[in-house]
Amino acid sequence: MLIVFLNAGGGGWTPNRVAKQLPHPLHFAAVWVVGLQYVEAGEYVYSVTELNESEGNSFTWRIRILRDFDSWAVSSC
């Protein structure tokens, strides 16, 4: 499994386009991209994307974690 930490710098990115550019053969069972999106109202908001070039669709989840790490929530994007 390959985990990539993304620093998009506010310019955004397109996971499906990146997934299509993955090398063949891919020597990892899965590729995940994790990026801090913003900090808001006392919580960190991350996006976590599984790049999936075989199905042509990448799936993204939004993770919200309180600054004190007391609680967190996951939702699909």
C-alpha atoms as a PDB file:
ATOM      1  CA  MET A   1       0.000   0.000   0.000  1.00  0.00           C
ATOM      2  CA  LEU A   2       1.276   3.456  -0.913  1.00  0.00           C
ATOM      3  CA  ILE A   3       0.179   6.485   1.118  1.00  0.00           C
ATOM      4  CA  VAL A   4       0.876   9.932  -0.350  1.00  0.00           C
ATOM      5  CA  PHE A   5       0.625  13.132   1.682  1.00  0.00           C
ATOM      6  CA  LEU A   6      -0.729  15.916  -0.501  1.00  0.00           C
ATOM      7  CA  ASN A   7       0.169  19.579  -0.207  1.00  0.00           C
ATOM      8  CA  ALA A   8      -2.064  21.077  -2.894  1.00  0.00           C
ATOM      9  CA  GLY A   9      -1.534  24.621  -1.693  1.00  0.00           C
ATOM     10  CA  GLY A  10      -5.134  25.611  -2.340  1.00  0.00           C
ATOM     11  CA  GLY A  11      -4.864  24.960  -6.078  1.00  0.00           C
ATOM     12  CA  GLY A  12      -6.926  21.809  -5.883  1.00  0.00           C
ATOM     13  CA  TRP A  13      -6.277  18.566  -7.650  1.00  0.00           C
ATOM     14  CA  THR A  14      -8.136  16.021  -9.748  1.00  0.00           C
ATOM     15  CA  PRO A  15      -7.863  12.500  -8.336  1.00  0.00           C
ATOM     16  CA  ASN A  16      -9.359  10.719 -11.368  1.00  0.00           C
ATOM     17  CA  ARG A  17      -6.817  12.333 -13.683  1.00  0.00           C
ATOM     18  CA  VAL A  18      -3.976  11.409 -11.327  1.00  0.00           C
ATOM     19  CA  ALA A  19      -5.305   7.822 -11.039  1.00  0.00           C
ATOM     20  CA  LYS A  20      -5.216   7.439 -14.841  1.00  0.00           C
ATOM     21  CA  GLN A  21      -1.510   8.387 -14.807  1.00  0.00           C
ATOM     22  CA  LEU A  22      -0.473   5.681 -12.336  1.00  0.00           C
ATOM     23  CA  PRO A  23       2.239   3.424 -13.753  1.00  0.00           C
ATOM     24  CA  HIS A  24       1.562  -0.057 -15.093  1.00  0.00           C
ATOM     25  CA  PRO A  25       2.203  -2.367 -13.460  1.00  0.00           C
ATOM     26  CA  LEU A  26       1.402  -0.705 -10.173  1.00  0.00           C
ATOM     27  CA  HIS A  27       3.512  -2.412  -7.526  1.00  0.00           C
ATOM     28  CA  PHE A  28       1.120  -1.524  -4.701  1.00  0.00           C
ATOM     29  CA  ALA A  29      -2.212  -3.072  -3.743  1.00  0.00           C
ATOM     30  CA  ALA A  30      -3.706   0.416  -3.256  1.00  0.00           C
ATOM     31  CA  VAL A  31      -2.761   4.099  -3.449  1.00  0.00           C
ATOM     32  CA  TRP A  32      -4.209   6.517  -0.889  1.00  0.00           C
ATOM     33  CA  VAL A  33      -3.776  10.304  -0.883  1.00  0.00           C
ATOM     34  CA  VAL A  34      -4.195  12.250   2.382  1.00  0.00           C
ATOM     35  CA  GLY A  35      -4.340  16.034   2.458  1.00  0.00           C
ATOM     36  CA  LEU A  36      -5.116  18.638   5.093  1.00  0.00           C
ATOM     37  CA  GLN A  37      -7.818  20.800   3.535  1.00  0.00           C
ATOM     38  CA  TYR A  38      -8.234  23.458   6.218  1.00  0.00           C
ATOM     39  CA  VAL A  39      -8.495  24.138   9.946  1.00  0.00           C
ATOM     40  CA  GLU A  40     -11.861  25.510  11.021  1.00  0.00           C
ATOM     41  CA  ALA A  41     -13.710  26.087  14.297  1.00  0.00           C
ATOM     42  CA  GLY A  42     -11.278  24.049  16.347  1.00  0.00           C
ATOM     43  CA  GLU A  43     -11.038  21.073  14.025  1.00  0.00           C
ATOM     44  CA  TYR A  44      -8.738  19.753  11.322  1.00  0.00           C
ATOM     45  CA  VAL A  45     -10.438  18.803   8.065  1.00  0.00           C
ATOM     46  CA  TYR A  46      -8.667  16.246   5.864  1.00  0.00           C
ATOM     47  CA  SER A  47      -9.576  14.588   2.600  1.00  0.00           C
ATOM     48  CA  VAL A  48      -8.605  10.970   2.079  1.00  0.00           C
ATOM     49  CA  THR A  49      -8.798   9.574  -1.459  1.00  0.00           C
ATOM     50  CA  GLU A  50      -8.285   6.063  -2.750  1.00  0.00           C
ATOM     51  CA  LEU A  51      -6.920   6.366  -6.287  1.00  0.00           C
ATOM     52  CA  ASN A  52      -8.574   3.699  -8.400  1.00  0.00           C
ATOM     53  CA  GLU A  53      -7.434   3.636 -12.004  1.00  0.00           C
ATOM     54  CA  SER A  54      -9.034   0.262 -12.808  1.00  0.00           C
ATOM     55  CA  GLU A  55     -12.596   1.454 -12.173  1.00  0.00           C
ATOM     56  CA  GLY A  56     -11.951   4.993 -13.422  1.00  0.00           C
ATOM     57  CA  ASN A  57     -13.385   6.520 -10.264  1.00  0.00           C
ATOM     58  CA  SER A  58     -11.553   7.650  -7.160  1.00  0.00           C
ATOM     59  CA  PHE A  59     -13.422   7.765  -3.874  1.00  0.00           C
ATOM     60  CA  THR A  60     -12.888  10.578  -1.368  1.00  0.00           C
ATOM     61  CA  TRP A  61     -13.844  10.846   2.280  1.00  0.00           C
ATOM     62  CA  ARG A  62     -13.751  13.919   4.504  1.00  0.00           C
ATOM     63  CA  ILE A  63     -12.313  13.406   7.984  1.00  0.00           C
ATOM     64  CA  ARG A  64     -12.962  16.010  10.702  1.00  0.00           C
ATOM     65  CA  ILE A  65     -10.794  15.712  13.817  1.00  0.00           C
ATOM     66  CA  LEU A  66     -11.114  17.950  16.863  1.00  0.00           C
ATOM     67  CA  ARG A  67      -7.868  19.726  17.778  1.00  0.00           C
ATOM     68  CA  ASP A  68      -7.662  17.835  21.068  1.00  0.00           C
ATOM     69  CA  PHE A  69      -8.280  14.542  19.168  1.00  0.00           C
ATOM     70  CA  ASP A  70     -11.247  13.829  21.470  1.00  0.00           C
ATOM     71  CA  SER A  71     -13.589  12.989  18.597  1.00  0.00           C
ATOM     72  CA  TRP A  72     -13.713  12.660  14.850  1.00  0.00           C
ATOM     73  CA  ALA A  73     -16.235  12.138  12.052  1.00  0.00           C
ATOM     74  CA  VAL A  74     -16.068  10.623   8.576  1.00  0.00           C
ATOM     75  CA  SER A  75     -18.298  11.485   5.610  1.00  0.00           C
ATOM     76  CA  SER A  76     -18.159  10.818   1.896  1.00  0.00           C
ATOM     77  CA  CYS A  77     -17.552  13.690  -0.500  1.00  0.00           C
END
